[in-house]
Amino acid sequence: MKEIQHKHLPPQIFNLKAWVVLVDESQLQKIFSDILSRAGFNVLDYSSHQFPVNGFSAFWLLAESHLAIHTFTNSGWCYVELSSCNKEKAFRFKELVKEALVKVTWDDEIKCSEPNTQYS
């Protein structure tokens, strides 16, 4: 098993959302597994589910959080959402997706979520 380096991080999650024009399960698994590796993420596990009518969902469990995708085969679109506690790796992921996939639209820039320390 690969040893994972760790350090104390503030409670922050960086979210990235995109739509890509690709719905082939094997291509998406290969592309995103490669991008995650090249971005420096540590993949702990992968799981997917093919729905009986159409489409599939896939999930990569990362040491740095997770990546989830869901396809809409009738329209040809795939929704992609990355959550990461590592900002640099999230930015690298975005750049690598742009290089690998010609048709990609981003919902927004990478957003940082932090806990609200004001309790009610």
C-alpha atoms as a PDB file:
ATOM      1  CA  MET A   1       0.000   0.000   0.000  1.00  0.00           C
ATOM      2  CA  LYS A   2       1.249   3.472  -0.901  1.00  0.00           C
ATOM      3  CA  GLU A   3       2.273   5.627   2.058  1.00  0.00           C
ATOM      4  CA  ILE A   4       0.431   8.951   2.066  1.00  0.00           C
ATOM      5  CA  GLN A   5       2.194  12.058   3.307  1.00  0.00           C
ATOM      6  CA  HIS A   6       0.019  14.215   5.516  1.00  0.00           C
ATOM      7  CA  LYS A   7       0.127  17.574   7.224  1.00  0.00           C
ATOM      8  CA  HIS A   8      -2.225  19.644   9.339  1.00  0.00           C
ATOM      9  CA  LEU A   9      -4.536  21.741   7.154  1.00  0.00           C
ATOM     10  CA  PRO A  10      -7.139  24.336   8.080  1.00  0.00           C
ATOM     11  CA  PRO A  11     -10.744  23.155   7.648  1.00  0.00           C
ATOM     12  CA  GLN A  12     -11.199  24.196   4.010  1.00  0.00           C
ATOM     13  CA  ILE A  13     -12.635  22.437   0.983  1.00  0.00           C
ATOM     14  CA  PHE A  14     -12.100  23.684  -2.558  1.00  0.00           C
ATOM     15  CA  ASN A  15     -14.968  22.814  -4.926  1.00  0.00           C
ATOM     16  CA  LEU A  16     -14.838  22.665  -8.695  1.00  0.00           C
ATOM     17  CA  LYS A  17     -17.829  21.875 -10.925  1.00  0.00           C
ATOM     18  CA  ALA A  18     -17.903  21.279 -14.678  1.00  0.00           C
ATOM     19  CA  TRP A  19     -19.871  19.746 -17.526  1.00  0.00           C
ATOM     20  CA  VAL A  20     -18.057  17.759 -20.213  1.00  0.00           C
ATOM     21  CA  VAL A  21     -19.277  16.354 -23.515  1.00  0.00           C
ATOM     22  CA  LEU A  22     -18.413  12.686 -23.035  1.00  0.00           C
ATOM     23  CA  VAL A  23     -20.466   9.809 -21.622  1.00  0.00           C
ATOM     24  CA  ASP A  24     -18.433   6.662 -22.328  1.00  0.00           C
ATOM     25  CA  GLU A  25     -17.727   5.001 -18.970  1.00  0.00           C
ATOM     26  CA  SER A  26     -14.377   3.449 -19.845  1.00  0.00           C
ATOM     27  CA  GLN A  27     -13.064   6.655 -21.440  1.00  0.00           C
ATOM     28  CA  LEU A  28     -14.197   8.791 -18.505  1.00  0.00           C
ATOM     29  CA  GLN A  29     -12.666   6.399 -15.961  1.00  0.00           C
ATOM     30  CA  LYS A  30      -9.353   6.354 -17.829  1.00  0.00           C
ATOM     31  CA  ILE A  31      -9.250  10.126 -18.406  1.00  0.00           C
ATOM     32  CA  PHE A  32     -10.149  11.132 -14.852  1.00  0.00           C
ATOM     33  CA  SER A  33      -7.958   8.483 -13.207  1.00  0.00           C
ATOM     34  CA  ASP A  34      -5.031   9.793 -15.262  1.00  0.00           C
ATOM     35  CA  ILE A  35      -5.831  13.451 -14.495  1.00  0.00           C
ATOM     36  CA  LEU A  36      -6.117  12.764 -10.763  1.00  0.00           C
ATOM     37  CA  SER A  37      -2.754  11.000 -10.781  1.00  0.00           C
ATOM     38  CA  ARG A  38      -1.042  13.743 -12.808  1.00  0.00           C
ATOM     39  CA  ALA A  39      -2.515  16.420 -10.513  1.00  0.00           C
ATOM     40  CA  GLY A  40      -0.898  14.656  -7.557  1.00  0.00           C
ATOM     41  CA  PHE A  41      -4.012  13.261  -5.901  1.00  0.00           C
ATOM     42  CA  ASN A  42      -3.809   9.998  -3.958  1.00  0.00           C
ATOM     43  CA  VAL A  43      -6.640   7.731  -5.131  1.00  0.00           C
ATOM     44  CA  LEU A  44      -7.757   5.436  -2.318  1.00  0.00           C
ATOM     45  CA  ASP A  45     -10.705   3.763  -4.054  1.00  0.00           C
ATOM     46  CA  TYR A  46     -12.941   3.880  -7.125  1.00  0.00           C
ATOM     47  CA  SER A  47     -16.562   2.826  -7.489  1.00  0.00           C
ATOM     48  CA  SER A  48     -19.132   3.139 -10.265  1.00  0.00           C
ATOM     49  CA  HIS A  49     -22.698   2.151 -10.971  1.00  0.00           C
ATOM     50  CA  GLN A  50     -24.330   1.636 -14.375  1.00  0.00           C
ATOM     51  CA  PHE A  51     -28.028   2.492 -14.305  1.00  0.00           C
ATOM     52  CA  PRO A  52     -30.430   0.085 -16.089  1.00  0.00           C
ATOM     53  CA  VAL A  53     -31.996   2.687 -18.367  1.00  0.00           C
ATOM     54  CA  ASN A  54     -28.968   4.836 -19.177  1.00  0.00           C
ATOM     55  CA  GLY A  55     -26.108   6.704 -17.596  1.00  0.00           C
ATOM     56  CA  PHE A  56     -23.705   5.901 -14.825  1.00  0.00           C
ATOM     57  CA  SER A  57     -22.183   7.519 -11.769  1.00  0.00           C
ATOM     58  CA  ALA A  58     -18.596   7.131 -10.595  1.00  0.00           C
ATOM     59  CA  PHE A  59     -16.742   8.147  -7.467  1.00  0.00           C
ATOM     60  CA  TRP A  60     -13.033   8.397  -6.702  1.00  0.00           C
ATOM     61  CA  LEU A  61     -12.233   8.454  -2.989  1.00  0.00           C
ATOM     62  CA  LEU A  62      -9.118  10.578  -2.551  1.00  0.00           C
ATOM     63  CA  ALA A  63      -6.829  11.116   0.418  1.00  0.00           C
ATOM     64  CA  GLU A  64      -7.586  14.786  -0.314  1.00  0.00           C
ATOM     65  CA  SER A  65     -11.420  14.295  -0.516  1.00  0.00           C
ATOM     66  CA  HIS A  66     -13.296  13.033  -3.619  1.00  0.00           C
ATOM     67  CA  LEU A  67     -14.266  13.310  -7.301  1.00  0.00           C
ATOM     68  CA  ALA A  68     -17.761  12.372  -8.492  1.00  0.00           C
ATOM     69  CA  ILE A  69     -19.173  12.222 -12.021  1.00  0.00           C
ATOM     70  CA  HIS A  70     -22.628  11.474 -13.394  1.00  0.00           C
ATOM     71  CA  THR A  71     -23.518  10.991 -17.058  1.00  0.00           C
ATOM     72  CA  PHE A  72     -26.666  12.000 -18.892  1.00  0.00           C
ATOM     73  CA  THR A  73     -26.334   9.753 -21.931  1.00  0.00           C
ATOM     74  CA  ASN A  74     -29.390  11.015 -23.812  1.00  0.00           C
ATOM     75  CA  SER A  75     -27.911  14.514 -23.961  1.00  0.00           C
ATOM     76  CA  GLY A  76     -24.249  13.461 -24.163  1.00  0.00           C
ATOM     77  CA  TRP A  77     -23.207  15.392 -21.049  1.00  0.00           C
ATOM     78  CA  CYS A  78     -21.300  14.373 -17.936  1.00  0.00           C
ATOM     79  CA  TYR A  79     -21.383  16.378 -14.691  1.00  0.00           C
ATOM     80  CA  VAL A  80     -18.077  16.502 -12.813  1.00  0.00           C
ATOM     81  CA  GLU A  81     -17.556  17.684  -9.233  1.00  0.00           C
ATOM     82  CA  LEU A  82     -14.241  17.735  -7.388  1.00  0.00           C
ATOM     83  CA  SER A  83     -13.938  18.517  -3.685  1.00  0.00           C
ATOM     84  CA  SER A  84     -10.406  18.855  -2.337  1.00  0.00           C
ATOM     85  CA  CYS A  85      -8.677  20.120   0.785  1.00  0.00           C
ATOM     86  CA  ASN A  86      -5.632  20.901  -1.397  1.00  0.00           C
ATOM     87  CA  LYS A  87      -6.027  24.120  -3.408  1.00  0.00           C
ATOM     88  CA  GLU A  88      -2.936  23.588  -5.579  1.00  0.00           C
ATOM     89  CA  LYS A  89      -4.028  20.109  -6.644  1.00  0.00           C
ATOM     90  CA  ALA A  90      -7.539  21.404  -7.424  1.00  0.00           C
ATOM     91  CA  PHE A  91      -6.095  24.115  -9.694  1.00  0.00           C
ATOM     92  CA  ARG A  92      -3.830  21.565 -11.393  1.00  0.00           C
ATOM     93  CA  PHE A  93      -6.823  19.235 -11.884  1.00  0.00           C
ATOM     94  CA  LYS A  94      -8.731  22.055 -13.620  1.00  0.00           C
ATOM     95  CA  GLU A  95      -5.824  22.808 -15.961  1.00  0.00           C
ATOM     96  CA  LEU A  96      -5.390  19.137 -16.854  1.00  0.00           C
ATOM     97  CA  VAL A  97      -9.123  18.743 -17.570  1.00  0.00           C
ATOM     98  CA  LYS A  98      -8.921  21.730 -19.942  1.00  0.00           C
ATOM     99  CA  GLU A  99      -6.009  20.072 -21.750  1.00  0.00           C
ATOM    100  CA  ALA A 100      -7.620  16.622 -21.953  1.00  0.00           C
ATOM    101  CA  LEU A 101     -11.216  17.488 -22.822  1.00  0.00           C
ATOM    102  CA  VAL A 102     -12.012  19.839 -25.681  1.00  0.00           C
ATOM    103  CA  LYS A 103     -15.647  20.391 -24.735  1.00  0.00           C
ATOM    104  CA  VAL A 104     -15.817  21.437 -21.082  1.00  0.00           C
ATOM    105  CA  THR A 105     -17.826  24.193 -19.404  1.00  0.00           C
ATOM    106  CA  TRP A 106     -17.072  25.340 -15.863  1.00  0.00           C
ATOM    107  CA  ASP A 107     -19.900  26.295 -13.527  1.00  0.00           C
ATOM    108  CA  ASP A 108     -17.658  28.766 -11.718  1.00  0.00           C
ATOM    109  CA  GLU A 109     -14.170  29.276 -10.425  1.00  0.00           C
ATOM    110  CA  ILE A 110     -12.842  27.097  -7.641  1.00  0.00           C
ATOM    111  CA  LYS A 111     -14.729  27.988  -4.476  1.00  0.00           C
ATOM    112  CA  CYS A 112     -13.450  27.655  -0.938  1.00  0.00           C
ATOM    113  CA  SER A 113     -15.830  26.465   1.779  1.00  0.00           C
ATOM    114  CA  GLU A 114     -14.958  26.901   5.441  1.00  0.00           C
ATOM    115  CA  PRO A 115     -16.923  26.087   8.583  1.00  0.00           C
ATOM    116  CA  ASN A 116     -18.925  28.858  10.180  1.00  0.00           C
ATOM    117  CA  THR A 117     -17.468  29.197  13.662  1.00  0.00           C
ATOM    118  CA  GLN A 118     -20.422  31.263  14.880  1.00  0.00           C
ATOM    119  CA  TYR A 119     -22.710  28.727  16.529  1.00  0.00           C
ATOM    120  CA  SER A 120     -26.407  29.427  16.978  1.00  0.00           C
END
